[in-house]
PDB file of N, CA and C in Angstrom:
ATOM      1  N   MET A   1      -7.635 -11.233  -7.274  1.00  0.00           N
ATOM      2  CA  MET A   1      -8.981 -10.754  -7.549  1.00  0.00           C
ATOM      3  C   MET A   1      -8.997  -9.242  -7.310  1.00  0.00           C
ATOM      4  N   ASN A   2      -9.471  -8.480  -8.304  1.00  0.00           N
ATOM      5  CA  ASN A   2      -9.497  -7.032  -8.132  1.00  0.00           C
ATOM      6  C   ASN A   2     -10.746  -6.607  -7.355  1.00  0.00           C
ATOM      7  N   ALA A   3     -10.838  -5.315  -7.041  1.00  0.00           N
ATOM      8  CA  ALA A   3     -11.914  -4.794  -6.191  1.00  0.00           C
ATOM      9  C   ALA A   3     -13.294  -4.989  -6.821  1.00  0.00           C
ATOM     10  N   ASN A   4     -13.414  -4.792  -8.142  1.00  0.00           N
ATOM     11  CA  ASN A   4     -14.716  -4.959  -8.802  1.00  0.00           C
ATOM     12  C   ASN A   4     -15.186  -6.406  -8.758  1.00  0.00           C
ATOM     13  N   ASN A   5     -14.282  -7.338  -9.002  1.00  0.00           N
ATOM     14  CA  ASN A   5     -14.653  -8.757  -8.953  1.00  0.00           C
ATOM     15  C   ASN A   5     -15.083  -9.160  -7.548  1.00  0.00           C
ATOM     16  N   LEU A   6     -14.384  -8.648  -6.537  1.00  0.00           N
ATOM     17  CA  LEU A   6     -14.740  -8.946  -5.147  1.00  0.00           C
ATOM     18  C   LEU A   6     -16.111  -8.382  -4.811  1.00  0.00           C
ATOM     19  N   LYS A   7     -16.404  -7.161  -5.268  1.00  0.00           N
ATOM     20  CA  LYS A   7     -17.706  -6.534  -5.027  1.00  0.00           C
ATOM     21  C   LYS A   7     -18.814  -7.351  -5.690  1.00  0.00           C
ATOM     22  N   ASN A   8     -18.610  -7.764  -6.956  1.00  0.00           N
ATOM     23  CA  ASN A   8     -19.605  -8.564  -7.669  1.00  0.00           C
ATOM     24  C   ASN A   8     -19.836  -9.900  -6.987  1.00  0.00           C
ATOM     25  N   ALA A   9     -18.769 -10.528  -6.507  1.00  0.00           N
ATOM     26  CA  ALA A   9     -18.899 -11.809  -5.817  1.00  0.00           C
ATOM     27  C   ALA A   9     -19.709 -11.639  -4.540  1.00  0.00           C
ATOM     28  N   ASN A  10     -19.458 -10.571  -3.787  1.00  0.00           N
ATOM     29  CA  ASN A  10     -20.220 -10.314  -2.561  1.00  0.00           C
ATOM     30  C   ASN A  10     -21.686 -10.050  -2.863  1.00  0.00           C
ATOM     31  N   GLN A  11     -21.964  -9.294  -3.935  1.00  0.00           N
ATOM     32  CA  GLN A  11     -23.348  -9.013  -4.312  1.00  0.00           C
ATOM     33  C   GLN A  11     -24.060 -10.302  -4.713  1.00  0.00           C
ATOM     34  N   ASN A  12     -23.383 -11.154  -5.479  1.00  0.00           N
ATOM     35  CA  ASN A  12     -23.983 -12.418  -5.894  1.00  0.00           C
ATOM     36  C   ASN A  12     -24.254 -13.322  -4.696  1.00  0.00           C
ATOM     37  N   LEU A  13     -23.356 -13.309  -3.709  1.00  0.00           N
ATOM     38  CA  LEU A  13     -23.578 -14.107  -2.498  1.00  0.00           C
ATOM     39  C   LEU A  13     -24.773 -13.598  -1.713  1.00  0.00           C
ATOM     40  N   LEU A  14     -24.924 -12.280  -1.617  1.00  0.00           N
ATOM     41  CA  LEU A  14     -26.080 -11.718  -0.924  1.00  0.00           C
ATOM     42  C   LEU A  14     -27.373 -12.192  -1.568  1.00  0.00           C
ATOM     43  N   CYS A  15     -27.437 -12.145  -2.885  1.00  0.00           N
ATOM     44  CA  CYS A  15     -28.636 -12.589  -3.596  1.00  0.00           C
ATOM     45  C   CYS A  15     -28.836 -14.096  -3.458  1.00  0.00           C
ATOM     46  N   LEU A  16     -27.745 -14.837  -3.432  1.00  0.00           N
ATOM     47  CA  LEU A  16     -27.836 -16.285  -3.272  1.00  0.00           C
ATOM     48  C   LEU A  16     -28.459 -16.644  -1.927  1.00  0.00           C
ATOM     49  N   PHE A  17     -28.044 -15.961  -0.877  1.00  0.00           N
ATOM     50  CA  PHE A  17     -28.539 -16.268   0.470  1.00  0.00           C
ATOM     51  C   PHE A  17     -29.886 -15.629   0.784  1.00  0.00           C
ATOM     52  N   PHE A  18     -30.094 -14.400   0.360  1.00  0.00           N
ATOM     53  CA  PHE A  18     -31.292 -13.661   0.766  1.00  0.00           C
ATOM     54  C   PHE A  18     -32.306 -13.450  -0.355  1.00  0.00           C
ATOM     55  N   GLY A  19     -31.955 -13.806  -1.571  1.00  0.00           N
ATOM     56  CA  GLY A  19     -32.854 -13.621  -2.708  1.00  0.00           C
ATOM     57  C   GLY A  19     -32.647 -12.260  -3.351  1.00  0.00           C
ATOM     58  N   HIS A  20     -33.124 -12.132  -4.559  1.00  0.00           N
ATOM     59  CA  HIS A  20     -32.976 -10.887  -5.311  1.00  0.00           C
ATOM     60  C   HIS A  20     -33.967  -9.841  -4.809  1.00  0.00           C
ATOM     61  N   LYS A  21     -33.584  -8.582  -4.872  1.00  0.00           N
ATOM     62  CA  LYS A  21     -34.466  -7.458  -4.558  1.00  0.00           C
ATOM     63  C   LYS A  21     -34.864  -6.822  -5.885  1.00  0.00           C
ATOM     64  N   LEU A  22     -35.955  -7.345  -6.454  1.00  0.00           N
ATOM     65  CA  LEU A  22     -36.368  -6.932  -7.792  1.00  0.00           C
ATOM     66  C   LEU A  22     -37.154  -5.631  -7.767  1.00  0.00           C
ATOM     67  N   THR A  23     -36.854  -4.783  -8.729  1.00  0.00           N
ATOM     68  CA  THR A  23     -37.619  -3.565  -8.944  1.00  0.00           C
ATOM     69  C   THR A  23     -38.096  -3.568 -10.388  1.00  0.00           C
ATOM     70  N   LEU A  24     -39.242  -2.958 -10.608  1.00  0.00           N
ATOM     71  CA  LEU A  24     -39.786  -2.865 -11.955  1.00  0.00           C
ATOM     72  C   LEU A  24     -38.928  -1.902 -12.757  1.00  0.00           C
ATOM     73  N   LYS A  25     -38.372  -2.399 -13.833  1.00  0.00           N
ATOM     74  CA  LYS A  25     -37.518  -1.573 -14.691  1.00  0.00           C
ATOM     75  C   LYS A  25     -38.330  -0.967 -15.829  1.00  0.00           C
ATOM     76  N   ARG A  26     -39.252  -1.770 -16.381  1.00  0.00           N
ATOM     77  CA  ARG A  26     -40.021  -1.313 -17.536  1.00  0.00           C
ATOM     78  C   ARG A  26     -41.281  -2.145 -17.680  1.00  0.00           C
ATOM     79  N   LYS A  27     -42.418  -1.479 -17.913  1.00  0.00           N
ATOM     80  CA  LYS A  27     -43.681  -2.167 -18.165  1.00  0.00           C
ATOM     81  C   LYS A  27     -43.864  -2.261 -19.669  1.00  0.00           C
ATOM     82  N   ILE A  28     -43.921  -3.478 -20.187  1.00  0.00           N
ATOM     83  CA  ILE A  28     -44.030  -3.704 -21.627  1.00  0.00           C
ATOM     84  C   ILE A  28     -45.500  -3.635 -22.052  1.00  0.00           C
ATOM     85  N   THR A  29     -46.320  -4.484 -21.455  1.00  0.00           N
ATOM     86  CA  THR A  29     -47.769  -4.504 -21.667  1.00  0.00           C
ATOM     87  C   THR A  29     -48.397  -4.728 -20.296  1.00  0.00           C
ATOM     88  N   ASN A  30     -49.686  -4.998 -20.270  1.00  0.00           N
ATOM     89  CA  ASN A  30     -50.348  -5.310 -18.999  1.00  0.00           C
ATOM     90  C   ASN A  30     -49.874  -6.632 -18.408  1.00  0.00           C
ATOM     91  N   HIS A  31     -49.265  -7.489 -19.226  1.00  0.00           N
ATOM     92  CA  HIS A  31     -48.864  -8.822 -18.780  1.00  0.00           C
ATOM     93  C   HIS A  31     -47.351  -9.045 -18.772  1.00  0.00           C
ATOM     94  N   PHE A  32     -46.604  -8.208 -19.448  1.00  0.00           N
ATOM     95  CA  PHE A  32     -45.152  -8.394 -19.548  1.00  0.00           C
ATOM     96  C   PHE A  32     -44.425  -7.191 -18.960  1.00  0.00           C
ATOM     97  N   GLU A  33     -43.407  -7.497 -18.153  1.00  0.00           N
ATOM     98  CA  GLU A  33     -42.611  -6.463 -17.507  1.00  0.00           C
ATOM     99  C   GLU A  33     -41.154  -6.891 -17.473  1.00  0.00           C
ATOM    100  N   GLU A  34     -40.262  -5.921 -17.315  1.00  0.00           N
ATOM    101  CA  GLU A  34     -38.844  -6.196 -17.129  1.00  0.00           C
ATOM    102  C   GLU A  34     -38.460  -5.748 -15.728  1.00  0.00           C
ATOM    103  N   TYR A  35     -37.643  -6.564 -15.053  1.00  0.00           N
ATOM    104  CA  TYR A  35     -37.220  -6.306 -13.681  1.00  0.00           C
ATOM    105  C   TYR A  35     -35.707  -6.276 -13.604  1.00  0.00           C
ATOM    106  N   GLU A  36     -35.192  -5.605 -12.564  1.00  0.00           N
ATOM    107  CA  GLU A  36     -33.755  -5.600 -12.312  1.00  0.00           C
ATOM    108  C   GLU A  36     -33.529  -5.738 -10.810  1.00  0.00           C
ATOM    109  N   CYS A  37     -32.567  -6.572 -10.433  1.00  0.00           N
ATOM    110  CA  CYS A  37     -32.193  -6.724  -9.031  1.00  0.00           C
ATOM    111  C   CYS A  37     -31.383  -5.498  -8.610  1.00  0.00           C
ATOM    112  N   LYS A  38     -31.775  -4.866  -7.500  1.00  0.00           N
ATOM    113  CA  LYS A  38     -31.066  -3.678  -7.017  1.00  0.00           C
ATOM    114  C   LYS A  38     -29.676  -4.018  -6.501  1.00  0.00           C
ATOM    115  N   VAL A  39     -29.429  -5.272  -6.142  1.00  0.00           N
ATOM    116  CA  VAL A  39     -28.150  -5.668  -5.554  1.00  0.00           C
ATOM    117  C   VAL A  39     -27.150  -6.103  -6.625  1.00  0.00           C
ATOM    118  N   CYS A  40     -27.511  -7.117  -7.425  1.00  0.00           N
ATOM    119  CA  CYS A  40     -26.565  -7.687  -8.393  1.00  0.00           C
ATOM    120  C   CYS A  40     -26.827  -7.258  -9.835  1.00  0.00           C
ATOM    121  N   HIS A  41     -27.895  -6.495 -10.064  1.00  0.00           N
ATOM    122  CA  HIS A  41     -28.256  -5.954 -11.381  1.00  0.00           C
ATOM    123  C   HIS A  41     -28.633  -7.019 -12.401  1.00  0.00           C
ATOM    124  N   LEU A  42     -29.089  -8.173 -11.923  1.00  0.00           N
ATOM    125  CA  LEU A  42     -29.607  -9.212 -12.803  1.00  0.00           C
ATOM    126  C   LEU A  42     -30.901  -8.704 -13.432  1.00  0.00           C
ATOM    127  N   GLU A  43     -31.074  -8.917 -14.734  1.00  0.00           N
ATOM    128  CA  GLU A  43     -32.286  -8.484 -15.428  1.00  0.00           C
ATOM    129  C   GLU A  43     -33.164  -9.694 -15.714  1.00  0.00           C
ATOM    130  N   LEU A  44     -34.455  -9.548 -15.430  1.00  0.00           N
ATOM    131  CA  LEU A  44     -35.428 -10.616 -15.629  1.00  0.00           C
ATOM    132  C   LEU A  44     -36.629 -10.067 -16.390  1.00  0.00           C
ATOM    133  N   THR A  45     -37.398 -10.974 -16.973  1.00  0.00           N
ATOM    134  CA  THR A  45     -38.652 -10.624 -17.621  1.00  0.00           C
ATOM    135  C   THR A  45     -39.624 -11.772 -17.413  1.00  0.00           C
ATOM    136  N   ASN A  46     -40.879 -11.580 -17.805  1.00  0.00           N
ATOM    137  CA  ASN A  46     -41.871 -12.645 -17.735  1.00  0.00           C
ATOM    138  C   ASN A  46     -41.774 -13.512 -18.980  1.00  0.00           C
ATOM    139  N   ASP A  47     -41.984 -14.818 -18.809  1.00  0.00           N
ATOM    140  CA  ASP A  47     -42.095 -15.671 -19.983  1.00  0.00           C
ATOM    141  C   ASP A  47     -43.564 -15.793 -20.357  1.00  0.00           C
ATOM    142  N   ASP A  48     -43.878 -16.632 -21.333  1.00  0.00           N
ATOM    143  CA  ASP A  48     -45.254 -16.754 -21.810  1.00  0.00           C
ATOM    144  C   ASP A  48     -46.194 -17.363 -20.781  1.00  0.00           C
ATOM    145  N   LYS A  49     -45.654 -17.983 -19.732  1.00  0.00           N
ATOM    146  CA  LYS A  49     -46.488 -18.564 -18.678  1.00  0.00           C
ATOM    147  C   LYS A  49     -46.571 -17.669 -17.442  1.00  0.00           C
ATOM    148  N   GLY A  50     -45.910 -16.488 -17.497  1.00  0.00           N
ATOM    149  CA  GLY A  50     -45.956 -15.556 -16.384  1.00  0.00           C
ATOM    150  C   GLY A  50     -44.848 -15.730 -15.366  1.00  0.00           C
ATOM    151  N   HIS A  51     -43.949 -16.691 -15.584  1.00  0.00           N
ATOM    152  CA  HIS A  51     -42.819 -16.908 -14.679  1.00  0.00           C
ATOM    153  C   HIS A  51     -41.677 -15.966 -15.040  1.00  0.00           C
ATOM    154  N   LYS A  52     -40.874 -15.612 -14.062  1.00  0.00           N
ATOM    155  CA  LYS A  52     -39.725 -14.749 -14.323  1.00  0.00           C
ATOM    156  C   LYS A  52     -38.569 -15.577 -14.884  1.00  0.00           C
ATOM    157  N   THR A  53     -37.904 -15.023 -15.897  1.00  0.00           N
ATOM    158  CA  THR A  53     -36.795 -15.691 -16.551  1.00  0.00           C
ATOM    159  C   THR A  53     -35.726 -14.658 -16.899  1.00  0.00           C
ATOM    160  N   HIS A  54     -34.511 -15.115 -17.132  1.00  0.00           N
ATOM    161  CA  HIS A  54     -33.412 -14.213 -17.473  1.00  0.00           C
ATOM    162  C   HIS A  54     -33.742 -13.443 -18.743  1.00  0.00           C
ATOM    163  N   LEU A  55     -33.421 -12.165 -18.757  1.00  0.00           N
ATOM    164  CA  LEU A  55     -33.670 -11.312 -19.912  1.00  0.00           C
ATOM    165  C   LEU A  55     -32.504 -11.462 -20.890  1.00  0.00           C
ATOM    166  N   THR A  56     -32.709 -12.294 -21.898  1.00  0.00           N
ATOM    167  CA  THR A  56     -31.697 -12.519 -22.920  1.00  0.00           C
ATOM    168  C   THR A  56     -31.854 -11.475 -24.022  1.00  0.00           C
ATOM    169  N   THR A  57     -30.908 -11.437 -24.927  1.00  0.00           N
ATOM    170  CA  THR A  57     -30.983 -10.509 -26.056  1.00  0.00           C
ATOM    171  C   THR A  57     -32.233 -10.779 -26.888  1.00  0.00           C
ATOM    172  N   LYS A  58     -32.538 -12.041 -27.100  1.00  0.00           N
ATOM    173  CA  LYS A  58     -33.718 -12.409 -27.888  1.00  0.00           C
ATOM    174  C   LYS A  58     -35.001 -11.960 -27.196  1.00  0.00           C
ATOM    175  N   LEU A  59     -35.100 -12.193 -25.881  1.00  0.00           N
ATOM    176  CA  LEU A  59     -36.296 -11.772 -25.157  1.00  0.00           C
ATOM    177  C   LEU A  59     -36.402 -10.254 -25.088  1.00  0.00           C
ATOM    178  N   ARG A  60     -35.275  -9.573 -25.020  1.00  0.00           N
ATOM    179  CA  ARG A  60     -35.288  -8.099 -25.027  1.00  0.00           C
ATOM    180  C   ARG A  60     -35.872  -7.598 -26.356  1.00  0.00           C
ATOM    181  N   GLU A  61     -35.493  -8.235 -27.466  1.00  0.00           N
ATOM    182  CA  GLU A  61     -36.029  -7.865 -28.782  1.00  0.00           C
ATOM    183  C   GLU A  61     -37.523  -8.161 -28.873  1.00  0.00           C
ATOM    184  N   VAL A  62     -37.943  -9.299 -28.332  1.00  0.00           N
ATOM    185  CA  VAL A  62     -39.363  -9.658 -28.313  1.00  0.00           C
ATOM    186  C   VAL A  62     -40.140  -8.627 -27.502  1.00  0.00           C
ATOM    187  N   ASN A  63     -39.621  -8.259 -26.336  1.00  0.00           N
ATOM    188  CA  ASN A  63     -40.278  -7.261 -25.496  1.00  0.00           C
ATOM    189  C   ASN A  63     -40.379  -5.915 -26.204  1.00  0.00           C
ATOM    190  N   GLU A  64     -39.328  -5.543 -26.910  1.00  0.00           N
ATOM    191  CA  GLU A  64     -39.334  -4.271 -27.639  1.00  0.00           C
ATOM    192  C   GLU A  64     -40.419  -4.276 -28.715  1.00  0.00           C
ATOM    193  N   THR A  65     -40.542  -5.386 -29.440  1.00  0.00           N
ATOM    194  CA  THR A  65     -41.578  -5.521 -30.464  1.00  0.00           C
ATOM    195  C   THR A  65     -42.965  -5.470 -29.834  1.00  0.00           C
ATOM    196  N   LEU A  66     -43.163  -6.207 -28.749  1.00  0.00           N
ATOM    197  CA  LEU A  66     -44.453  -6.185 -28.042  1.00  0.00           C
ATOM    198  C   LEU A  66     -44.795  -4.777 -27.571  1.00  0.00           C
ATOM    199  N   PHE A  67     -43.806  -4.081 -27.051  1.00  0.00           N
ATOM    200  CA  PHE A  67     -44.011  -2.726 -26.558  1.00  0.00           C
ATOM    201  C   PHE A  67     -44.520  -1.812 -27.669  1.00  0.00           C
ATOM    202  N   HIS A  68     -43.866  -1.874 -28.836  1.00  0.00           N
ATOM    203  CA  HIS A  68     -44.276  -1.017 -29.948  1.00  0.00           C
ATOM    204  C   HIS A  68     -45.639  -1.411 -30.509  1.00  0.00           C
ATOM    205  N   LEU A  69     -45.933  -2.705 -30.568  1.00  0.00           N
ATOM    206  CA  LEU A  69     -47.255  -3.149 -31.023  1.00  0.00           C
ATOM    207  C   LEU A  69     -48.332  -2.696 -30.043  1.00  0.00           C
ATOM    208  N   HIS A  70     -48.040  -2.798 -28.755  1.00  0.00           N
ATOM    209  CA  HIS A  70     -48.994  -2.383 -27.728  1.00  0.00           C
ATOM    210  C   HIS A  70     -49.245  -0.875 -27.823  1.00  0.00           C
ATOM    211  N   LEU A  71     -48.190  -0.088 -28.016  1.00  0.00           N
ATOM    212  CA  LEU A  71     -48.339   1.356 -28.164  1.00  0.00           C
ATOM    213  C   LEU A  71     -49.180   1.703 -29.394  1.00  0.00           C
ATOM    214  N   LYS A  72     -48.889   1.035 -30.508  1.00  0.00           N
ATOM    215  CA  LYS A  72     -49.603   1.307 -31.749  1.00  0.00           C
ATOM    216  C   LYS A  72     -51.081   0.961 -31.600  1.00  0.00           C
ATOM    217  N   ARG A  73     -51.352  -0.184 -30.990  1.00  0.00           N
ATOM    218  CA  ARG A  73     -52.741  -0.623 -30.811  1.00  0.00           C
ATOM    219  C   ARG A  73     -53.477   0.307 -29.854  1.00  0.00           C
ATOM    220  N   HIS A  74     -52.816   0.662 -28.754  1.00  0.00           N
ATOM    221  CA  HIS A  74     -53.435   1.521 -27.757  1.00  0.00           C
ATOM    222  C   HIS A  74     -53.663   2.920 -28.324  1.00  0.00           C
ATOM    223  N   HIS A  75     -52.750   3.421 -29.102  1.00  0.00           N
ATOM    224  CA  HIS A  75     -52.845   4.745 -29.691  1.00  0.00           C
ATOM    225  C   HIS A  75     -54.018   4.816 -30.669  1.00  0.00           C
ATOM    226  N   HIS A  76     -54.240   3.761 -31.457  1.00  0.00           N
ATOM    227  CA  HIS A  76     -55.320   3.740 -32.432  1.00  0.00           C
ATOM    228  C   HIS A  76     -56.690   3.589 -31.772  1.00  0.00           C
ATOM    229  N   SER A  77     -56.733   3.063 -30.564  1.00  0.00           N
ATOM    230  CA  SER A  77     -58.026   2.854 -29.908  1.00  0.00           C
ATOM    231  C   SER A  77     -58.504   4.102 -29.183  1.00  0.00           C
ATOM    232  N   LEU A  78     -57.634   5.112 -29.076  1.00  0.00           N
ATOM    233  CA  LEU A  78     -58.040   6.342 -28.372  1.00  0.00           C
ATOM    234  C   LEU A  78     -58.927   7.231 -29.183  1.00  0.00           C
TER     235      LEU A  78
END
């Protein structure tokens, strides 16, 4: 096992035992946000029910679309 794999394994164990230390990475709308764990760098987002879920490529694309629609709508209302 090389040094990077050992470091990643230790980070994953820390999160497994103590939980993730999530920070807000990006605010999409008033209801949707993207988070990242400061320890293991896991990326999460909100699902349609408000629960946190893994940020997949598909959800990242959905968030990007929501972000641009929200910007366009907010910009036109000013």
